[in-house]
């Protein structure tokens, strides 16, 4: 994060009018918050007591203040929580009061020396750096995307994601099952369906409509005791063995089968409710994460920025800056006072690539 912000600063991002406005606003918001906190400790808990309406009116009558508020309002509309939405007259009045109160409080904070406190300075640096790094990361995003050659190289290094290798593994397990090896033992050894692998791939009884179509069609086409061929579904490659079938004794009898399966090449995303992804798509994501981390590491080395494993504002010993100003990864650069007001604990950690892998869930062929 810190390195990305320094890279942005070196590239002139801090001189861009929009970012100059946002960094100036973020500084005012943080000093204002420090002032409100100070007044709260003194027993003044209401904002309108710390900064009165009369003080806000006096500020807005100063030359240039209405123009500054107009710049803030335009930025808020563009980058605020309701980006692009029309700001009503009532909302504009509320924002005007809020902005004016923050500006007056910031002045009072400076007069009280709060801007010279180490914790305030660090918070300002971190927040302003977040704006710079967010803008930089957004524009650099195309560089983080892996090329087709990089995806191919990743697949070569990770055969567990290579469709041909996954299929080959499934075919080998199928060969052993058809040769007479114990199917349940093979499931316990090879299946990636954690919900039933320890039970030998046991799925119990099920009727039509309970499983995804490819799995269902294959299962109901098998005879008792028969092991079918490799079946591909959105979850991966299945090897199915039907152990028995029956007709229920309901008013309208329903055909059911009892089966086991072995799942190879589990696609967790399909179970987690997101769109199923092919092995190549998963490789593309992983290759992109690798590339992003590599580029971030290169930037960090170039900018010689060091960050403790975890630094919390208020602990100045956690931060080491040699030739950089601090930075952030957040893509949001709203100048909204509420968005820019820091939380009680702003924690900075080492950069990590975006995106996260889905948690594993049941991989059986059942519909969600």
Foldseek 3Di string as FASTA:
>chain_A
DQLLLQVLVVVPVCVDPVLVLLLVLLLLLLLLVVLQVVVVVVVPNDLCVSPPPVQLVVQCPDPPNVVSLVSQVVLCCCFNPPHVDDQDPVNSVVLSSVSSSSNVSSVVSVVVVVCVDQLSVLLSLALSQALSSLVSCVVCVVVLQDDPVLLVVLCVVPVLLPQVSLLVVLQVLLVVVVVPDDQLVSLLVAAPQVVCNPVSQWPFKDFPPFFPDQVRVQQVVDDAQDWDHWTQDLQATKIKHWHDWDWDPDPDTTIMTTIGIGGTSGQQCQVVPHDRDHSSVVSSVVSSQVSVVVVLVVSCVVQVFDAAQKDKRVDVVRGDHDRTGGHHNDNRSRSRSVVSHDDPIDMDHDDGGDDDGDDHDGSDRGHD
